[in-house]
Amino acid sequence: MEASHDTFDFGESQWDLILCSYNFMDPWDAKWPATLWRALQPKGIAVWQTSVRRETSQAPLKASALLDNWKQFHLIRFEDLDPGVIDDDWLPSRTNRTIRLVVRKEQ
């Protein structure tokens, strides 16, 4: 199956693991925690690693705001990494910060 993240039907209580890796899904967007909560089975895990778009002075991307969006989940791991920490061939990670988020649905 091939679908855009905006059109894919994640379903309800059908996934044990959802991996969001370097895609166009914004972890600060409040629709994603709700979507993944609905899609995960109890004890299901969501793993997110992405390069963060450049911040503007009008809309700083604060880690506290991100974690607040995901508060219904049990937080397993969170990392807010400075540019260049991820040493791979994906160039944006060398110039933009990288977010790693691992959460579990407890119910």
PDB file of N, CA and C in Angstrom:
ATOM      1  N   MET A   1       0.842  -1.166   0.000  1.00  0.00           N
ATOM      2  CA  MET A   1       0.000   0.000   0.000  1.00  0.00           C
ATOM      3  C   MET A   1       0.889   1.232   0.000  1.00  0.00           C
ATOM      4  N   GLU A   2       0.525   2.184  -0.795  1.00  0.00           N
ATOM      5  CA  GLU A   2       1.248   3.442  -0.833  1.00  0.00           C
ATOM      6  C   GLU A   2       0.252   4.567  -0.633  1.00  0.00           C
ATOM      7  N   ALA A   3       0.546   5.458   0.326  1.00  0.00           N
ATOM      8  CA  ALA A   3      -0.341   6.582   0.595  1.00  0.00           C
ATOM      9  C   ALA A   3       0.427   7.685   1.289  1.00  0.00           C
ATOM     10  N   SER A   4      -0.041   8.878   1.111  1.00  0.00           N
ATOM     11  CA  SER A   4       0.527  10.013   1.829  1.00  0.00           C
ATOM     12  C   SER A   4       0.102   9.943   3.288  1.00  0.00           C
ATOM     13  N   HIS A   5       0.919  10.468   4.177  1.00  0.00           N
ATOM     14  CA  HIS A   5       0.568  10.481   5.595  1.00  0.00           C
ATOM     15  C   HIS A   5      -0.724  11.241   5.845  1.00  0.00           C
ATOM     16  N   ASP A   6      -1.051  12.200   4.986  1.00  0.00           N
ATOM     17  CA  ASP A   6      -2.281  12.974   5.166  1.00  0.00           C
ATOM     18  C   ASP A   6      -3.529  12.236   4.683  1.00  0.00           C
ATOM     19  N   THR A   7      -3.352  11.216   3.852  1.00  0.00           N
ATOM     20  CA  THR A   7      -4.517  10.489   3.335  1.00  0.00           C
ATOM     21  C   THR A   7      -4.592   9.047   3.825  1.00  0.00           C
ATOM     22  N   PHE A   8      -3.521   8.546   4.435  1.00  0.00           N
ATOM     23  CA  PHE A   8      -3.492   7.169   4.911  1.00  0.00           C
ATOM     24  C   PHE A   8      -4.463   6.980   6.070  1.00  0.00           C
ATOM     25  N   ASP A   9      -5.228   5.899   6.030  1.00  0.00           N
ATOM     26  CA  ASP A   9      -6.136   5.564   7.126  1.00  0.00           C
ATOM     27  C   ASP A   9      -5.363   4.720   8.137  1.00  0.00           C
ATOM     28  N   PHE A  10      -4.953   5.335   9.231  1.00  0.00           N
ATOM     29  CA  PHE A  10      -4.193   4.637  10.257  1.00  0.00           C
ATOM     30  C   PHE A  10      -5.052   3.629  11.016  1.00  0.00           C
ATOM     31  N   GLY A  11      -6.363   3.734  10.884  1.00  0.00           N
ATOM     32  CA  GLY A  11      -7.260   2.781  11.515  1.00  0.00           C
ATOM     33  C   GLY A  11      -7.406   3.006  13.007  1.00  0.00           C
ATOM     34  N   GLU A  12      -7.953   1.986  13.662  1.00  0.00           N
ATOM     35  CA  GLU A  12      -8.215   2.076  15.095  1.00  0.00           C
ATOM     36  C   GLU A  12      -7.728   0.812  15.789  1.00  0.00           C
ATOM     37  N   SER A  13      -6.864   0.973  16.770  1.00  0.00           N
ATOM     38  CA  SER A  13      -6.336  -0.127  17.594  1.00  0.00           C
ATOM     39  C   SER A  13      -5.805  -1.287  16.753  1.00  0.00           C
ATOM     40  N   GLN A  14      -5.012  -0.983  15.731  1.00  0.00           N
ATOM     41  CA  GLN A  14      -4.536  -2.064  14.869  1.00  0.00           C
ATOM     42  C   GLN A  14      -3.018  -2.183  14.796  1.00  0.00           C
ATOM     43  N   TRP A  15      -2.272  -1.266  15.384  1.00  0.00           N
ATOM     44  CA  TRP A  15      -0.818  -1.310  15.253  1.00  0.00           C
ATOM     45  C   TRP A  15      -0.141  -1.499  16.606  1.00  0.00           C
ATOM     46  N   ASP A  16       0.906  -2.321  16.616  1.00  0.00           N
ATOM     47  CA  ASP A  16       1.760  -2.463  17.798  1.00  0.00           C
ATOM     48  C   ASP A  16       2.870  -1.415  17.786  1.00  0.00           C
ATOM     49  N   LEU A  17       3.273  -1.016  16.587  1.00  0.00           N
ATOM     50  CA  LEU A  17       4.376  -0.077  16.419  1.00  0.00           C
ATOM     51  C   LEU A  17       4.092   0.813  15.220  1.00  0.00           C
ATOM     52  N   ILE A  18       4.299   2.104  15.408  1.00  0.00           N
ATOM     53  CA  ILE A  18       4.240   3.056  14.300  1.00  0.00           C
ATOM     54  C   ILE A  18       5.561   3.815  14.306  1.00  0.00           C
ATOM     55  N   LEU A  19       6.261   3.790  13.184  1.00  0.00           N
ATOM     56  CA  LEU A  19       7.548   4.454  13.040  1.00  0.00           C
ATOM     57  C   LEU A  19       7.389   5.632  12.088  1.00  0.00           C
ATOM     58  N   CYS A  20       7.762   6.803  12.561  1.00  0.00           N
ATOM     59  CA  CYS A  20       7.732   8.019  11.756  1.00  0.00           C
ATOM     60  C   CYS A  20       9.167   8.515  11.667  1.00  0.00           C
ATOM     61  N   SER A  21       9.798   8.275  10.548  1.00  0.00           N
ATOM     62  CA  SER A  21      11.216   8.577  10.425  1.00  0.00           C
ATOM     63  C   SER A  21      11.461   9.495   9.234  1.00  0.00           C
ATOM     64  N   TYR A  22      11.941  10.680   9.527  1.00  0.00           N
ATOM     65  CA  TYR A  22      12.296  11.657   8.500  1.00  0.00           C
ATOM     66  C   TYR A  22      11.224  11.755   7.416  1.00  0.00           C
ATOM     67  N   ASN A  23      10.065  12.201   7.826  1.00  0.00           N
ATOM     68  CA  ASN A  23       8.960  12.368   6.891  1.00  0.00           C
ATOM     69  C   ASN A  23       8.448  13.798   6.984  1.00  0.00           C
ATOM     70  N   PHE A  24       7.318  14.056   6.401  1.00  0.00           N
ATOM     71  CA  PHE A  24       6.769  15.414   6.415  1.00  0.00           C
ATOM     72  C   PHE A  24       5.729  15.611   7.502  1.00  0.00           C
ATOM     73  N   MET A  25       5.638  14.688   8.443  1.00  0.00           N
ATOM     74  CA  MET A  25       4.713  14.810   9.567  1.00  0.00           C
ATOM     75  C   MET A  25       5.377  15.663  10.646  1.00  0.00           C
ATOM     76  N   ASP A  26       4.681  16.657  11.125  1.00  0.00           N
ATOM     77  CA  ASP A  26       5.212  17.581  12.120  1.00  0.00           C
ATOM     78  C   ASP A  26       4.841  17.097  13.517  1.00  0.00           C
ATOM     79  N   PRO A  27       5.805  16.689  14.347  1.00  0.00           N
ATOM     80  CA  PRO A  27       5.458  16.170  15.677  1.00  0.00           C
ATOM     81  C   PRO A  27       4.832  17.218  16.594  1.00  0.00           C
ATOM     82  N   TRP A  28       4.942  18.505  16.239  1.00  0.00           N
ATOM     83  CA  TRP A  28       4.289  19.556  17.027  1.00  0.00           C
ATOM     84  C   TRP A  28       2.810  19.697  16.665  1.00  0.00           C
ATOM     85  N   ASP A  29       2.393  19.131  15.532  1.00  0.00           N
ATOM     86  CA  ASP A  29       1.000  19.227  15.094  1.00  0.00           C
ATOM     87  C   ASP A  29       0.136  18.335  15.974  1.00  0.00           C
ATOM     88  N   ALA A  30      -0.834  18.922  16.651  1.00  0.00           N
ATOM     89  CA  ALA A  30      -1.670  18.199  17.628  1.00  0.00           C
ATOM     90  C   ALA A  30      -2.504  17.087  17.007  1.00  0.00           C
ATOM     91  N   LYS A  31      -2.657  17.049  15.701  1.00  0.00           N
ATOM     92  CA  LYS A  31      -3.456  15.964  15.096  1.00  0.00           C
ATOM     93  C   LYS A  31      -2.732  14.620  15.169  1.00  0.00           C
ATOM     94  N   TRP A  32      -1.392  14.622  15.200  1.00  0.00           N
ATOM     95  CA  TRP A  32      -0.672  13.350  15.159  1.00  0.00           C
ATOM     96  C   TRP A  32      -0.759  12.561  16.452  1.00  0.00           C
ATOM     97  N   PRO A  33      -0.629  13.166  17.620  1.00  0.00           N
ATOM     98  CA  PRO A  33      -0.819  12.360  18.831  1.00  0.00           C
ATOM     99  C   PRO A  33      -2.201  11.708  18.877  1.00  0.00           C
ATOM    100  N   ALA A  34      -3.231  12.450  18.515  1.00  0.00           N
ATOM    101  CA  ALA A  34      -4.593  11.898  18.521  1.00  0.00           C
ATOM    102  C   ALA A  34      -4.740  10.776  17.495  1.00  0.00           C
ATOM    103  N   THR A  35      -4.172  10.976  16.314  1.00  0.00           N
ATOM    104  CA  THR A  35      -4.250   9.961  15.260  1.00  0.00           C
ATOM    105  C   THR A  35      -3.526   8.685  15.667  1.00  0.00           C
ATOM    106  N   LEU A  36      -2.319   8.831  16.213  1.00  0.00           N
ATOM    107  CA  LEU A  36      -1.544   7.650  16.586  1.00  0.00           C
ATOM    108  C   LEU A  36      -2.114   6.967  17.817  1.00  0.00           C
ATOM    109  N   TRP A  37      -2.686   7.736  18.744  1.00  0.00           N
ATOM    110  CA  TRP A  37      -3.346   7.143  19.914  1.00  0.00           C
ATOM    111  C   TRP A  37      -4.481   6.224  19.453  1.00  0.00           C
ATOM    112  N   ARG A  38      -5.279   6.714  18.535  1.00  0.00           N
ATOM    113  CA  ARG A  38      -6.415   5.941  18.015  1.00  0.00           C
ATOM    114  C   ARG A  38      -5.926   4.699  17.265  1.00  0.00           C
ATOM    115  N   ALA A  39      -4.815   4.830  16.548  1.00  0.00           N
ATOM    116  CA  ALA A  39      -4.332   3.740  15.685  1.00  0.00           C
ATOM    117  C   ALA A  39      -3.593   2.642  16.443  1.00  0.00           C
ATOM    118  N   LEU A  40      -2.980   2.986  17.573  1.00  0.00           N
ATOM    119  CA  LEU A  40      -2.187   2.002  18.317  1.00  0.00           C
ATOM    120  C   LEU A  40      -3.052   1.094  19.181  1.00  0.00           C
ATOM    121  N   GLN A  41      -2.632  -0.152  19.303  1.00  0.00           N
ATOM    122  CA  GLN A  41      -3.229  -1.067  20.262  1.00  0.00           C
ATOM    123  C   GLN A  41      -2.744  -0.685  21.658  1.00  0.00           C
ATOM    124  N   PRO A  42      -3.427  -1.149  22.707  1.00  0.00           N
ATOM    125  CA  PRO A  42      -2.898  -0.921  24.052  1.00  0.00           C
ATOM    126  C   PRO A  42      -1.458  -1.446  24.146  1.00  0.00           C
ATOM    127  N   LYS A  43      -0.614  -0.683  24.784  1.00  0.00           N
ATOM    128  CA  LYS A  43       0.831  -0.943  24.930  1.00  0.00           C
ATOM    129  C   LYS A  43       1.595  -0.740  23.626  1.00  0.00           C
ATOM    130  N   GLY A  44       0.915  -0.224  22.582  1.00  0.00           N
ATOM    131  CA  GLY A  44       1.584   0.059  21.317  1.00  0.00           C
ATOM    132  C   GLY A  44       2.557   1.214  21.460  1.00  0.00           C
ATOM    133  N   ILE A  45       3.567   1.216  20.612  1.00  0.00           N
ATOM    134  CA  ILE A  45       4.635   2.198  20.688  1.00  0.00           C
ATOM    135  C   ILE A  45       4.704   3.014  19.402  1.00  0.00           C
ATOM    136  N   ALA A  46       4.927   4.319  19.571  1.00  0.00           N
ATOM    137  CA  ALA A  46       5.201   5.210  18.443  1.00  0.00           C
ATOM    138  C   ALA A  46       6.624   5.717  18.584  1.00  0.00           C
ATOM    139  N   VAL A  47       7.375   5.625  17.494  1.00  0.00           N
ATOM    140  CA  VAL A  47       8.762   6.081  17.458  1.00  0.00           C
ATOM    141  C   VAL A  47       8.843   7.161  16.387  1.00  0.00           C
ATOM    142  N   TRP A  48       9.419   8.273  16.773  1.00  0.00           N
ATOM    143  CA  TRP A  48       9.508   9.411  15.863  1.00  0.00           C
ATOM    144  C   TRP A  48      10.942   9.913  15.854  1.00  0.00           C
ATOM    145  N   GLN A  49      11.536  10.018  14.674  1.00  0.00           N
ATOM    146  CA  GLN A  49      12.813  10.703  14.518  1.00  0.00           C
ATOM    147  C   GLN A  49      12.717  11.545  13.276  1.00  0.00           C
ATOM    148  N   THR A  50      12.974  12.831  13.438  1.00  0.00           N
ATOM    149  CA  THR A  50      12.859  13.724  12.306  1.00  0.00           C
ATOM    150  C   THR A  50      13.746  14.939  12.474  1.00  0.00           C
ATOM    151  N   SER A  51      14.136  15.482  11.361  1.00  0.00           N
ATOM    152  CA  SER A  51      14.845  16.744  11.359  1.00  0.00           C
ATOM    153  C   SER A  51      13.801  17.846  11.495  1.00  0.00           C
ATOM    154  N   VAL A  52      14.097  18.829  12.325  1.00  0.00           N
ATOM    155  CA  VAL A  52      13.128  19.896  12.597  1.00  0.00           C
ATOM    156  C   VAL A  52      13.352  21.041  11.635  1.00  0.00           C
ATOM    157  N   ARG A  53      12.267  21.481  11.059  1.00  0.00           N
ATOM    158  CA  ARG A  53      12.365  22.617  10.138  1.00  0.00           C
ATOM    159  C   ARG A  53      12.963  23.818  10.865  1.00  0.00           C
ATOM    160  N   ARG A  54      13.483  24.703  10.122  1.00  0.00           N
ATOM    161  CA  ARG A  54      14.092  25.891  10.728  1.00  0.00           C
ATOM    162  C   ARG A  54      13.046  26.701  11.492  1.00  0.00           C
ATOM    163  N   GLU A  55      13.446  27.153  12.636  1.00  0.00           N
ATOM    164  CA  GLU A  55      12.549  27.918  13.488  1.00  0.00           C
ATOM    165  C   GLU A  55      12.532  29.381  13.062  1.00  0.00           C
ATOM    166  N   THR A  56      11.443  30.049  13.395  1.00  0.00           N
ATOM    167  CA  THR A  56      11.352  31.484  13.164  1.00  0.00           C
ATOM    168  C   THR A  56      11.149  32.168  14.505  1.00  0.00           C
ATOM    169  N   SER A  57      11.429  33.433  14.555  1.00  0.00           N
ATOM    170  CA  SER A  57      11.239  34.151  15.814  1.00  0.00           C
ATOM    171  C   SER A  57       9.759  34.224  16.185  1.00  0.00           C
ATOM    172  N   GLN A  58       8.867  34.133  15.198  1.00  0.00           N
ATOM    173  CA  GLN A  58       7.438  34.176  15.474  1.00  0.00           C
ATOM    174  C   GLN A  58       6.914  32.839  16.012  1.00  0.00           C
ATOM    175  N   ALA A  59       7.577  31.753  15.664  1.00  0.00           N
ATOM    176  CA  ALA A  59       7.075  30.429  16.057  1.00  0.00           C
ATOM    177  C   ALA A  59       8.225  29.532  16.504  1.00  0.00           C
ATOM    178  N   PRO A  60       8.802  29.812  17.664  1.00  0.00           N
ATOM    179  CA  PRO A  60       9.865  28.917  18.139  1.00  0.00           C
ATOM    180  C   PRO A  60       9.303  27.544  18.475  1.00  0.00           C
ATOM    181  N   LEU A  61      10.045  26.518  18.141  1.00  0.00           N
ATOM    182  CA  LEU A  61       9.597  25.150  18.373  1.00  0.00           C
ATOM    183  C   LEU A  61      10.175  24.666  19.700  1.00  0.00           C
ATOM    184  N   LYS A  62       9.410  24.834  20.744  1.00  0.00           N
ATOM    185  CA  LYS A  62       9.863  24.481  22.088  1.00  0.00           C
ATOM    186  C   LYS A  62       9.581  23.016  22.388  1.00  0.00           C
ATOM    187  N   ALA A  63      10.555  22.352  23.004  1.00  0.00           N
ATOM    188  CA  ALA A  63      10.394  20.950  23.370  1.00  0.00           C
ATOM    189  C   ALA A  63       9.234  20.774  24.341  1.00  0.00           C
ATOM    190  N   SER A  64       9.033  21.731  25.245  1.00  0.00           N
ATOM    191  CA  SER A  64       7.937  21.612  26.216  1.00  0.00           C
ATOM    192  C   SER A  64       6.579  21.584  25.521  1.00  0.00           C
ATOM    193  N   ALA A  65       6.413  22.346  24.461  1.00  0.00           N
ATOM    194  CA  ALA A  65       5.149  22.339  23.714  1.00  0.00           C
ATOM    195  C   ALA A  65       4.944  21.004  23.018  1.00  0.00           C
ATOM    196  N   LEU A  66       6.011  20.442  22.483  1.00  0.00           N
ATOM    197  CA  LEU A  66       5.921  19.138  21.837  1.00  0.00           C
ATOM    198  C   LEU A  66       5.505  18.072  22.849  1.00  0.00           C
ATOM    199  N   LEU A  67       6.174  18.037  23.978  1.00  0.00           N
ATOM    200  CA  LEU A  67       5.866  17.022  24.993  1.00  0.00           C
ATOM    201  C   LEU A  67       4.460  17.205  25.551  1.00  0.00           C
ATOM    202  N   ASP A  68       3.996  18.429  25.638  1.00  0.00           N
ATOM    203  CA  ASP A  68       2.635  18.677  26.112  1.00  0.00           C
ATOM    204  C   ASP A  68       1.605  18.063  25.160  1.00  0.00           C
ATOM    205  N   ASN A  69       1.882  18.112  23.857  1.00  0.00           N
ATOM    206  CA  ASN A  69       0.976  17.500  22.871  1.00  0.00           C
ATOM    207  C   ASN A  69       0.874  15.989  23.042  1.00  0.00           C
ATOM    208  N   TRP A  70       1.932  15.364  23.522  1.00  0.00           N
ATOM    209  CA  TRP A  70       2.012  13.906  23.622  1.00  0.00           C
ATOM    210  C   TRP A  70       1.761  13.404  25.044  1.00  0.00           C
ATOM    211  N   LYS A  71       1.218  14.245  25.926  1.00  0.00           N
ATOM    212  CA  LYS A  71       1.111  13.903  27.343  1.00  0.00           C
ATOM    213  C   LYS A  71       0.170  12.737  27.643  1.00  0.00           C
ATOM    214  N   GLN A  72      -0.729  12.390  26.738  1.00  0.00           N
ATOM    215  CA  GLN A  72      -1.611  11.252  26.997  1.00  0.00           C
ATOM    216  C   GLN A  72      -0.845   9.922  26.910  1.00  0.00           C
ATOM    217  N   PHE A  73       0.320   9.946  26.288  1.00  0.00           N
ATOM    218  CA  PHE A  73       1.168   8.762  26.163  1.00  0.00           C
ATOM    219  C   PHE A  73       2.144   8.686  27.330  1.00  0.00           C
ATOM    220  N   HIS A  74       2.656   7.489  27.567  1.00  0.00           N
ATOM    221  CA  HIS A  74       3.767   7.308  28.498  1.00  0.00           C
ATOM    222  C   HIS A  74       5.051   7.607  27.726  1.00  0.00           C
ATOM    223  N   LEU A  75       5.823   8.561  28.197  1.00  0.00           N
ATOM    224  CA  LEU A  75       7.064   8.940  27.540  1.00  0.00           C
ATOM    225  C   LEU A  75       8.159   7.931  27.890  1.00  0.00           C
ATOM    226  N   ILE A  76       8.714   7.297  26.871  1.00  0.00           N
ATOM    227  CA  ILE A  76       9.817   6.354  27.059  1.00  0.00           C
ATOM    228  C   ILE A  76      11.152   7.055  26.852  1.00  0.00           C
ATOM    229  N   ARG A  77      11.227   7.862  25.808  1.00  0.00           N
ATOM    230  CA  ARG A  77      12.489   8.554  25.518  1.00  0.00           C
ATOM    231  C   ARG A  77      12.206   9.808  24.706  1.00  0.00           C
ATOM    232  N   PHE A  78      12.948  10.853  25.014  1.00  0.00           N
ATOM    233  CA  PHE A  78      12.884  12.087  24.236  1.00  0.00           C
ATOM    234  C   PHE A  78      14.282  12.665  24.134  1.00  0.00           C
ATOM    235  N   GLU A  79      14.673  13.026  22.929  1.00  0.00           N
ATOM    236  CA  GLU A  79      15.947  13.693  22.700  1.00  0.00           C
ATOM    237  C   GLU A  79      15.724  14.850  21.739  1.00  0.00           C
ATOM    238  N   ASP A  80      16.287  15.976  22.083  1.00  0.00           N
ATOM    239  CA  ASP A  80      16.263  17.171  21.243  1.00  0.00           C
ATOM    240  C   ASP A  80      17.727  17.463  20.922  1.00  0.00           C
ATOM    241  N   LEU A  81      18.163  17.026  19.749  1.00  0.00           N
ATOM    242  CA  LEU A  81      19.585  17.029  19.410  1.00  0.00           C
ATOM    243  C   LEU A  81      19.967  18.229  18.551  1.00  0.00           C
ATOM    244  N   ASP A  82      21.073  18.830  18.894  1.00  0.00           N
ATOM    245  CA  ASP A  82      21.592  19.955  18.122  1.00  0.00           C
ATOM    246  C   ASP A  82      21.973  19.506  16.719  1.00  0.00           C
ATOM    247  N   PRO A  83      22.017  20.448  15.755  1.00  0.00           N
ATOM    248  CA  PRO A  83      22.450  20.102  14.398  1.00  0.00           C
ATOM    249  C   PRO A  83      23.820  19.440  14.402  1.00  0.00           C
ATOM    250  N   GLY A  84      23.973  18.440  13.543  1.00  0.00           N
ATOM    251  CA  GLY A  84      25.258  17.785  13.397  1.00  0.00           C
ATOM    252  C   GLY A  84      25.494  16.608  14.319  1.00  0.00           C
ATOM    253  N   VAL A  85      24.630  16.401  15.308  1.00  0.00           N
ATOM    254  CA  VAL A  85      24.814  15.274  16.231  1.00  0.00           C
ATOM    255  C   VAL A  85      24.570  13.954  15.511  1.00  0.00           C
ATOM    256  N   ILE A  86      23.555  13.924  14.647  1.00  0.00           N
ATOM    257  CA  ILE A  86      23.296  12.730  13.855  1.00  0.00           C
ATOM    258  C   ILE A  86      24.272  12.754  12.685  1.00  0.00           C
ATOM    259  N   ASP A  87      25.208  11.854  12.682  1.00  0.00           N
ATOM    260  CA  ASP A  87      26.249  11.820  11.654  1.00  0.00           C
ATOM    261  C   ASP A  87      25.901  10.747  10.639  1.00  0.00           C
ATOM    262  N   ASP A  88      25.085  11.137   9.673  1.00  0.00           N
ATOM    263  CA  ASP A  88      24.707  10.204   8.619  1.00  0.00           C
ATOM    264  C   ASP A  88      24.724  10.942   7.289  1.00  0.00           C
ATOM    265  N   ASP A  89      24.231  10.298   6.270  1.00  0.00           N
ATOM    266  CA  ASP A  89      24.279  10.929   4.956  1.00  0.00           C
ATOM    267  C   ASP A  89      23.055  11.774   4.649  1.00  0.00           C
ATOM    268  N   TRP A  90      22.167  11.950   5.626  1.00  0.00           N
ATOM    269  CA  TRP A  90      20.972  12.761   5.396  1.00  0.00           C
ATOM    270  C   TRP A  90      21.305  14.190   5.798  1.00  0.00           C
ATOM    271  N   LEU A  91      21.589  15.037   4.873  1.00  0.00           N
ATOM    272  CA  LEU A  91      22.171  16.355   5.117  1.00  0.00           C
ATOM    273  C   LEU A  91      21.381  17.274   6.051  1.00  0.00           C
ATOM    274  N   PRO A  92      20.046  17.308   6.009  1.00  0.00           N
ATOM    275  CA  PRO A  92      19.361  18.219   6.931  1.00  0.00           C
ATOM    276  C   PRO A  92      19.692  17.977   8.395  1.00  0.00           C
ATOM    277  N   SER A  93      20.008  16.746   8.782  1.00  0.00           N
ATOM    278  CA  SER A  93      20.344  16.498  10.181  1.00  0.00           C
ATOM    279  C   SER A  93      21.668  17.154  10.566  1.00  0.00           C
ATOM    280  N   ARG A  94      22.453  17.518   9.572  1.00  0.00           N
ATOM    281  CA  ARG A  94      23.716  18.207   9.853  1.00  0.00           C
ATOM    282  C   ARG A  94      23.499  19.701  10.058  1.00  0.00           C
ATOM    283  N   THR A  95      22.390  20.223   9.541  1.00  0.00           N
ATOM    284  CA  THR A  95      22.142  21.662   9.623  1.00  0.00           C
ATOM    285  C   THR A  95      20.942  22.019  10.484  1.00  0.00           C
ATOM    286  N   ASN A  96      20.059  21.062  10.750  1.00  0.00           N
ATOM    287  CA  ASN A  96      18.867  21.300  11.564  1.00  0.00           C
ATOM    288  C   ASN A  96      18.890  20.389  12.780  1.00  0.00           C
ATOM    289  N   ARG A  97      18.225  20.792  13.832  1.00  0.00           N
ATOM    290  CA  ARG A  97      18.144  19.920  15.002  1.00  0.00           C
ATOM    291  C   ARG A  97      17.304  18.694  14.681  1.00  0.00           C
ATOM    292  N   THR A  98      17.497  17.647  15.432  1.00  0.00           N
ATOM    293  CA  THR A  98      16.793  16.384  15.244  1.00  0.00           C
ATOM    294  C   THR A  98      16.018  16.061  16.513  1.00  0.00           C
ATOM    295  N   ILE A  99      14.787  15.621  16.338  1.00  0.00           N
ATOM    296  CA  ILE A  99      13.933  15.209  17.455  1.00  0.00           C
ATOM    297  C   ILE A  99      13.793  13.698  17.420  1.00  0.00           C
ATOM    298  N   ARG A 100      13.968  13.078  18.583  1.00  0.00           N
ATOM    299  CA  ARG A 100      13.675  11.649  18.761  1.00  0.00           C
ATOM    300  C   ARG A 100      12.647  11.552  19.876  1.00  0.00           C
ATOM    301  N   LEU A 101      11.566  10.846  19.586  1.00  0.00           N
ATOM    302  CA  LEU A 101      10.480  10.698  20.544  1.00  0.00           C
ATOM    303  C   LEU A 101       9.998   9.251  20.509  1.00  0.00           C
ATOM    304  N   VAL A 102       9.937   8.618  21.682  1.00  0.00           N
ATOM    305  CA  VAL A 102       9.410   7.258  21.784  1.00  0.00           C
ATOM    306  C   VAL A 102       8.358   7.287  22.893  1.00  0.00           C
ATOM    307  N   VAL A 103       7.125   6.926  22.535  1.00  0.00           N
ATOM    308  CA  VAL A 103       6.018   6.950  23.476  1.00  0.00           C
ATOM    309  C   VAL A 103       5.233   5.647  23.402  1.00  0.00           C
ATOM    310  N   ARG A 104       4.514   5.331  24.493  1.00  0.00           N
ATOM    311  CA  ARG A 104       3.701   4.103  24.547  1.00  0.00           C
ATOM    312  C   ARG A 104       2.292   4.461  24.972  1.00  0.00           C
ATOM    313  N   LYS A 105       1.337   3.830  24.319  1.00  0.00           N
ATOM    314  CA  LYS A 105      -0.063   3.959  24.708  1.00  0.00           C
ATOM    315  C   LYS A 105      -0.299   3.024  25.884  1.00  0.00           C
ATOM    316  N   GLU A 106      -0.687   3.559  27.015  1.00  0.00           N
ATOM    317  CA  GLU A 106      -0.815   2.761  28.226  1.00  0.00           C
ATOM    318  C   GLU A 106      -2.147   2.017  28.343  1.00  0.00           C
ATOM    319  N   GLN A 107      -3.166   2.440  27.669  1.00  0.00           N
ATOM    320  CA  GLN A 107      -4.482   1.798  27.841  1.00  0.00           C
ATOM    321  C   GLN A 107      -4.745   0.793  26.758  1.00  0.00           C
TER     322      GLN A 107
END
